[in-house]
Protein backbone atom coordinates (compact mmCIF):
# COMPACT_ATOMS: atom_id res chain seq x y z
CA MET A 1 113.78 109.56 119.53
CA SER A 2 111.34 106.88 119.13
CA GLN A 3 109.89 105.27 122.22
CA PHE A 4 109.19 102.03 120.65
CA HIS A 5 112.78 101.27 119.77
CA ASP A 6 116.07 100.90 121.55
CA VAL A 7 117.83 102.97 118.76
CA GLY A 8 121.54 102.53 120.56
CA ALA A 9 121.32 98.95 120.72
CA VAL A 10 119.75 98.72 117.11
CA ALA A 11 122.84 101.04 115.95
CA ARG A 12 125.30 98.43 117.63
CA GLN A 13 123.85 95.81 115.33
CA PHE A 14 125.81 97.31 112.16
CA GLN A 15 128.97 97.32 111.02
CA PHE A 16 129.89 101.02 112.28
CA LYS A 17 133.36 102.16 112.67
CA GLY A 18 134.06 102.51 116.42
CA GLU A 19 131.72 102.86 119.25
CA VAL A 20 128.24 104.25 119.03
CA PHE A 21 127.96 107.38 121.27
CA ALA A 22 125.36 109.81 119.90
CA PHE A 23 122.15 109.45 117.88
CA THR A 24 119.61 111.84 116.96
CA PRO A 25 116.65 111.91 114.74
CA HIS A 26 117.33 113.15 111.38
CA GLY A 27 115.23 114.86 108.54
CA ASN A 28 111.53 115.51 108.54
CA GLY A 29 110.27 112.29 106.66
CA HIS A 30 106.61 111.06 107.16
CA ILE A 31 107.32 107.57 106.77
CA ASN A 32 110.24 106.07 108.41
CA ASP A 33 111.84 106.89 111.44
CA THR A 34 115.63 108.14 110.45
CA TYR A 35 118.38 108.84 112.97
CA LEU A 36 121.82 110.36 112.53
CA VAL A 37 124.26 108.07 114.42
CA THR A 38 127.78 109.22 115.18
CA CYS A 39 130.64 106.74 116.06
CA ALA A 40 134.03 106.96 117.45
CA ALA A 41 137.06 105.00 116.67
CA ASN A 42 140.61 106.27 118.23
CA GLY A 43 139.29 109.81 118.09
CA VAL A 44 137.90 109.67 114.63
CA LEU A 45 134.34 110.48 113.97
CA SER A 46 132.27 108.92 111.63
CA ARG A 47 128.60 109.40 110.81
CA TYR A 48 125.87 107.01 109.60
CA ILE A 49 121.85 107.30 108.50
CA LEU A 50 119.94 104.63 110.45
CA GLN A 51 116.40 104.12 109.49
CA HIS A 52 113.64 101.81 110.52
CA ILE A 53 111.25 101.01 107.67
CA ASN A 54 107.36 101.53 108.18
CA ARG A 55 105.68 98.32 107.75
CA LYS A 56 102.60 99.73 107.37
CA VAL A 57 103.60 101.40 104.21
CA PHE A 58 105.82 98.95 103.04
CA LEU A 59 104.17 95.45 103.73
CA ASN A 60 107.18 93.57 102.78
CA PRO A 61 110.36 95.17 103.91
CA ALA A 62 112.59 92.37 102.77
CA ALA A 63 111.41 93.20 99.30
CA VAL A 64 112.39 96.72 99.71
CA MET A 65 115.62 96.12 101.12
CA GLN A 66 116.29 93.33 98.11
CA ASN A 67 115.53 96.53 95.62
CA ILE A 68 117.80 98.83 97.32
CA GLU A 69 120.39 96.18 97.60
CA ARG A 70 120.43 95.40 93.97
CA VAL A 71 120.10 99.04 92.86
CA THR A 72 122.76 100.72 95.12
CA ALA A 73 125.28 97.82 94.20
CA HIS A 74 124.33 98.47 90.53
CA LEU A 75 124.90 102.05 90.97
CA ALA A 76 128.25 101.78 92.57
CA GLU A 77 129.38 99.53 89.28
CA GLN A 78 128.58 102.66 87.21
CA LEU A 79 130.80 104.69 89.51
CA VAL A 80 134.03 102.70 89.24
CA GLY A 81 136.86 104.95 89.04
CA ASN A 82 134.64 108.38 90.08
CA PRO A 83 137.00 110.00 92.53
CA ASP A 84 133.79 111.00 94.27
CA ALA A 85 131.88 107.92 94.20
CA ALA A 86 131.34 107.49 97.70
CA ARG A 87 129.12 110.63 97.53
CA ARG A 88 127.50 109.96 94.32
CA ALA A 89 125.31 107.16 95.39
CA LEU A 90 124.13 105.60 98.89
CA THR A 91 126.32 102.93 100.39
CA LEU A 92 124.43 100.41 102.45
CA ILE A 93 126.23 99.27 105.72
CA PRO A 94 125.47 95.69 106.54
CA ALA A 95 124.92 94.42 109.90
CA ARG A 96 127.08 92.11 111.94
CA ASP A 97 125.68 89.01 110.59
CA GLY A 98 126.70 90.34 106.96
CA CYS A 99 123.15 91.12 105.66
CA ASN A 100 122.45 94.35 104.22
CA TRP A 101 119.42 95.12 107.03
CA TYR A 102 118.54 93.89 110.26
CA VAL A 103 115.46 92.66 111.75
CA ASP A 104 114.95 93.35 115.80
CA ALA A 105 113.25 90.76 118.22
CA GLU A 106 110.01 92.60 117.57
CA GLY A 107 110.36 91.64 113.70
CA GLU A 108 110.92 95.80 112.62
CA THR A 109 113.36 95.93 109.82
CA TRP A 110 116.21 98.42 109.86
CA ARG A 111 118.93 99.54 107.47
CA ALA A 112 121.98 101.70 107.54
CA TYR A 113 123.88 104.17 105.18
CA GLN A 114 127.14 105.71 105.20
CA PHE A 115 126.23 109.38 105.85
CA ILE A 116 127.13 111.79 102.98
CA GLU A 117 129.00 114.82 104.37
CA ASN A 118 129.10 118.52 103.00
CA ALA A 119 125.71 118.06 101.17
CA ARG A 120 122.17 118.39 102.32
CA THR A 121 118.55 118.17 100.79
CA TYR A 122 116.21 121.51 100.69
CA GLU A 123 112.43 121.45 101.01
CA ALA A 124 111.95 123.39 97.80
CA ALA A 125 113.76 124.80 94.75
CA THR A 126 114.33 128.50 95.09
CA SER A 127 115.86 129.05 91.82
CA ALA A 128 115.89 127.55 88.29
CA GLN A 129 119.33 126.47 88.60
CA GLN A 130 118.54 124.16 91.33
CA ALA A 131 115.65 122.78 89.53
CA TYR A 132 118.06 122.28 86.76
CA GLN A 133 120.26 120.47 89.21
CA ALA A 134 117.82 118.23 90.66
CA ALA A 135 116.27 117.20 87.29
CA ARG A 136 119.72 116.49 85.82
CA ALA A 137 120.38 114.17 88.76
CA PHE A 138 117.02 112.47 88.87
CA GLY A 139 117.73 111.74 84.78
CA TYR A 140 121.29 110.56 85.54
CA PHE A 141 119.96 108.11 88.18
CA GLN A 142 117.45 106.69 85.71
CA GLN A 143 120.55 106.60 82.85
CA GLN A 144 122.61 104.73 85.11
CA LEU A 145 119.75 102.29 85.65
CA ALA A 146 118.72 101.98 81.94
CA GLY A 147 120.95 98.68 81.54
CA PHE A 148 119.67 97.47 85.32
CA PRO A 149 120.09 93.44 84.52
CA PRO A 150 116.99 91.08 85.21
CA PRO A 151 115.42 89.58 87.19
CA ARG A 152 112.81 92.28 87.49
CA LEU A 153 112.77 94.35 90.78
CA HIS A 154 109.89 94.04 93.13
CA ASP A 155 107.08 96.23 93.08
CA THR A 156 107.12 97.58 96.83
CA ILE A 157 103.76 99.42 96.30
CA PRO A 158 101.66 97.55 93.51
CA ASP A 159 99.99 99.97 91.07
CA PHE A 160 101.47 103.24 92.80
CA HIS A 161 101.27 105.18 89.76
CA HIS A 162 98.43 103.33 87.93
CA THR A 163 96.19 106.35 87.23
CA PRO A 164 93.25 104.34 85.92
CA ARG A 165 93.19 102.31 88.95
CA ARG A 166 93.52 105.42 90.96
CA PHE A 167 90.29 107.01 89.29
CA MET A 168 88.28 103.77 89.85
CA ALA A 169 89.35 104.24 93.54
CA LEU A 170 87.76 107.80 93.42
CA GLU A 171 84.63 106.56 91.49
CA ARG A 172 84.10 104.15 94.41
CA ALA A 173 84.48 106.74 96.95
CA ILE A 174 82.14 109.09 95.10
CA ALA A 175 79.37 106.44 95.29
CA ALA A 176 79.85 105.50 98.64
CA ASP A 177 80.29 108.99 100.19
CA ALA A 178 81.08 107.29 103.28
CA VAL A 179 81.03 110.19 105.47
CA GLY A 180 78.70 112.44 103.52
CA ARG A 181 81.33 114.79 102.17
CA ALA A 182 80.41 114.72 98.57
CA ALA A 183 78.46 117.96 98.92
CA LEU A 184 81.41 119.59 100.04
CA ALA A 185 83.61 118.68 97.19
CA ARG A 186 81.06 118.94 94.07
CA HIS A 187 83.35 121.31 92.23
CA GLU A 188 86.52 118.94 92.44
CA ILE A 189 84.32 115.85 91.69
CA GLU A 190 83.33 117.71 88.55
CA PHE A 191 86.72 118.37 87.81
CA ALA A 192 88.03 114.95 88.40
CA LEU A 193 85.06 113.53 86.30
CA SER A 194 85.89 115.79 83.61
CA HIS A 195 89.53 114.70 83.20
CA LYS A 196 88.88 111.24 83.00
CA PRO A 197 89.92 110.98 79.46
CA ILE A 198 93.50 111.58 80.48
CA VAL A 199 93.87 108.84 83.21
CA SER A 200 95.00 106.04 80.41
CA VAL A 201 97.31 108.17 78.04
CA LEU A 202 100.58 107.16 79.36
CA LEU A 203 99.59 103.35 79.84
CA ASP A 204 97.80 103.57 76.33
CA ALA A 205 101.25 104.90 74.62
CA ASN A 206 102.90 101.39 75.24
CA LEU A 207 106.09 103.37 76.82
CA PRO A 208 109.00 101.18 77.78
CA GLU A 209 109.16 99.78 81.28
CA ARG A 210 112.18 101.26 83.33
CA VAL A 211 113.62 101.15 86.71
CA THR A 212 111.92 104.43 88.28
CA HIS A 213 112.43 106.21 91.62
CA ASN A 214 108.81 107.08 91.67
CA ASP A 215 109.09 109.69 94.62
CA THR A 216 110.97 112.37 92.67
CA LYS A 217 110.42 115.31 95.15
CA PHE A 218 112.98 118.05 95.30
CA ASN A 219 114.07 116.94 98.71
CA ASN A 220 114.86 113.75 97.47
CA VAL A 221 118.17 114.67 96.14
CA LEU A 222 121.42 115.96 97.89
CA LEU A 223 122.88 119.44 96.95
CA ASP A 224 126.74 119.76 97.41
CA ASP A 225 127.25 122.69 100.04
CA ALA A 226 130.44 124.33 98.18
CA THR A 227 129.01 123.89 94.51
CA GLY A 228 125.22 123.71 94.68
CA GLU A 229 125.39 120.45 92.30
CA ALA A 230 123.18 117.63 92.83
CA ILE A 231 125.15 114.89 93.69
CA CYS A 232 123.12 112.12 95.15
CA ILE A 233 119.63 110.54 94.82
CA VAL A 234 118.14 109.63 98.49
CA ASP A 235 114.87 107.58 99.62
CA LEU A 236 115.16 104.48 97.22
CA ASP A 237 112.22 102.81 98.94
CA THR A 238 110.00 103.22 96.13
CA VAL A 239 112.55 102.31 93.52
CA MET A 240 111.02 99.82 91.37
CA PRO A 241 109.64 99.15 87.67
CA GLY A 242 107.51 102.05 86.28
CA LEU A 243 107.73 104.59 83.57
CA ALA A 244 110.37 107.18 83.05
CA LEU A 245 107.75 109.87 82.82
CA TYR A 246 106.21 109.17 86.23
CA ASP A 247 109.39 110.35 87.26
CA PHE A 248 109.28 113.43 85.59
CA GLY A 249 105.75 114.20 86.14
CA ASP A 250 106.47 114.31 89.84
CA MET A 251 109.04 116.83 89.17
CA VAL A 252 106.91 119.08 87.71
CA ARG A 253 104.29 118.58 90.36
CA THR A 254 106.47 119.16 93.30
CA THR A 255 109.00 121.79 92.01
CA THR A 256 107.47 124.25 89.71
CA SER A 257 104.71 125.70 92.03
CA PRO A 258 105.87 128.07 94.88
CA ALA A 259 102.89 127.26 97.00
CA GLU A 260 102.82 124.53 99.82
CA GLU A 261 100.93 121.11 99.04
CA ASP A 262 97.99 122.28 101.23
CA GLU A 263 97.84 126.11 100.63
CA ARG A 264 94.69 127.34 101.06
CA ASP A 265 95.18 130.53 98.85
CA LEU A 266 95.00 128.93 95.49
CA SER A 267 96.07 132.35 93.89
CA LYS A 268 99.52 131.40 94.99
CA VAL A 269 99.55 128.08 93.11
CA THR A 270 100.93 128.37 89.59
CA MET A 271 103.23 126.37 87.35
CA GLN A 272 106.31 128.60 86.92
CA PHE A 273 107.47 128.15 83.50
CA PRO A 274 111.37 128.97 84.11
CA LEU A 275 111.20 126.30 86.40
CA PHE A 276 109.48 123.76 84.18
CA GLU A 277 112.23 124.90 81.25
CA ALA A 278 115.05 124.23 83.84
CA LEU A 279 113.63 120.58 84.82
CA VAL A 280 113.38 119.88 80.99
CA ARG A 281 116.88 121.24 80.35
CA GLY A 282 118.12 119.00 83.06
CA TYR A 283 116.36 115.89 82.44
CA LEU A 284 117.16 115.76 78.73
CA GLU A 285 121.10 116.61 79.44
CA SER A 286 121.13 113.47 81.38
CA ALA A 287 118.38 111.11 80.35
CA GLY A 288 117.90 112.32 76.68
CA ALA A 289 120.04 109.81 75.02
CA PHE A 290 118.15 106.84 76.25
CA LEU A 291 114.40 108.13 75.96
CA THR A 292 112.38 107.07 73.03
CA ALA A 293 110.80 109.63 71.06
CA GLU A 294 107.31 108.58 72.20
CA GLU A 295 108.52 109.16 75.95
CA LYS A 296 109.74 112.84 74.75
CA ARG A 297 106.71 113.29 73.17
CA TYR A 298 104.80 113.15 76.72
CA ILE A 299 107.12 114.93 78.77
CA ALA A 300 104.90 118.22 79.17
CA PHE A 301 101.81 115.93 79.53
CA SER A 302 103.53 113.89 82.33
CA GLY A 303 103.38 116.63 84.74
CA LYS A 304 99.45 117.13 84.32
CA LEU A 305 98.82 113.54 84.78
CA ILE A 306 100.85 112.97 87.83
CA THR A 307 99.42 115.96 89.46
CA PHE A 308 95.88 114.77 88.72
CA GLU A 309 96.51 111.26 89.94
CA THR A 310 97.81 113.07 93.17
CA GLY A 311 94.81 115.20 93.43
CA ILE A 312 92.14 112.46 92.93
CA ARG A 313 94.14 110.37 95.69
CA PHE A 314 93.58 113.27 98.17
CA LEU A 315 89.94 113.56 97.01
CA ALA A 316 89.26 110.06 97.30
CA ASP A 317 90.73 110.20 100.70
CA PHE A 318 88.70 113.05 101.63
CA LEU A 319 85.48 111.45 100.63
CA ALA A 320 86.17 108.28 102.43
CA GLY A 321 87.09 110.08 105.74
CA ASP A 322 90.84 110.66 105.54
CA THR A 323 91.71 107.12 106.17
CA TYR A 324 95.41 107.10 104.42
CA PHE A 325 96.76 110.52 104.50
CA LYS A 326 97.64 112.24 107.63
CA VAL A 327 95.13 115.22 108.43
CA HIS A 328 96.08 118.36 110.71
CA ARG A 329 92.97 120.05 110.22
CA GLU A 330 89.44 119.82 109.02
CA GLY A 331 89.21 119.74 105.18
CA HIS A 332 93.03 119.13 104.86
CA ASN A 333 92.64 116.47 102.05
CA LEU A 334 90.24 118.62 100.29
CA ASP A 335 92.59 121.56 100.60
CA ARG A 336 95.46 119.21 99.08
CA CYS A 337 93.20 118.23 96.19
CA ARG A 338 92.28 121.72 95.57
CA THR A 339 96.24 122.87 95.21
CA GLN A 340 96.72 119.91 92.82
CA PHE A 341 93.82 120.76 90.67
CA LYS A 342 94.77 124.47 90.43
CA LEU A 343 98.23 123.54 89.29
CA ILE A 344 96.51 121.65 86.44
CA GLU A 345 94.47 124.45 85.49
CA SER A 346 98.01 126.52 85.44
CA ILE A 347 99.53 123.75 83.34
CA GLU A 348 96.84 123.74 80.85
CA LEU A 349 97.05 127.24 80.48
CA GLN A 350 100.71 126.78 79.11
CA GLU A 351 100.38 123.28 78.05
CA GLU A 352 101.29 124.36 74.51
CA ALA A 353 104.38 126.35 75.43
CA MET A 354 105.60 123.52 77.35
CA ASN A 355 105.26 121.11 74.45
CA ARG A 356 107.29 123.67 72.18
CA ILE A 357 110.30 124.06 74.84
CA VAL A 358 110.40 120.37 74.91
CA ALA A 359 110.37 120.07 71.19
CA SER A 360 113.14 122.59 71.22
CA ILE A 361 115.32 121.03 73.73
CA GLY A 362 114.91 117.67 73.07
C-alpha cells in the first residue's frame, strides 16, 4: 500500500456496503494508485476498486472526474434493460457527502468503482479472437458515446494526440540536444525527420470530433472469465474529445506486435497481419455504422501515425534527458523509440494489404 496515504481511512469515506476489512494494491498501472477493497455486511462480501488520481499527470482531477461522471452516466443510460448492465460499464460509488469523488485533507483526489466480478484484463492479446473482442468492445464504446450530449468534455491532457505539436517538440529537442545524446540517435532522428509529411494527415482530413478513450491498450478491456467476451472498457481518465482513429491507431500499435514496448531484439517486432485483420473486423462490426467514409479511409494509416507519434515522444524524451517517461536502464527511451520505428517499417511493408482488408470489410 502507499506509504503516503491512509487507504483504510479513505475507503471509509465512500458509500461501500458494510465495513472495510481488507484492501490490497491492485493491477500494475503506472499512473494512479489502485486498491481492491473488500467490505462485509452481515456475512456478505462486496468488493470495490479504490483509486488515487495522480495529479502530477492529471493537473485538474476535478475535470477528469466530471468527464468520468458524465460518461459513465451516459453509458448506464445506453444499457438500461440489459440484464448484465452492471458488468458492461464502470459504476462510480459516491463518497459519503454524495459527490462522486473524495478529496482528502492533503488535497488528493480519490474515486471508487464497483468491482466487476468474474472478468479480468490481460497484458497482451494471445490470439486473433482476443484482438477481435477488444476492438469490438472499443468500437462499441465509441458507438455508445456517438450521441453524447453537450457540453463538450474537458480536455484532461490538452493536445494529447496532436501529432504536429509532438513533432515540433521533437524538433526543439533535437536542436537543443540538452544532454548531448543526438549523436547516439542519429539513425532515429533521420527516420523521424523523413516521416514529417505524415504528421498532419489526420488533422488535415477534417474528420469529425468524437468522444474517444485515447488509451486503447489491450489491458484496458475486461474479458469475461467464462466466455472470453470483452465486456467492459476501463481506465477512463483520458476519455475526452478526439478522433475515432486515435483509438483504432493505438490498438494497432499495442496489440499487433508480439514484442514488448522496450524490446531490444528488433527482430521480434512485427505487425502481425492476422491480428490487424481481427482488429478491423471487431472494430467495424461495432463502430462501422457511425463512422464516415473518410474515417474508414484512414483506418490502416492511423496505426502508423499513432505508432510514429509515440516513437517521437520517446525520442524527444531521450534527447531531453528522460524528463517525462520513467526509465529503468541507460538508453531505455531510445530502446522504446526503436521498437516503435521498427513497427512502422513493418506496417509500411504491409500497408497496401492493410488498406485492402479494410476496404473489403468496411
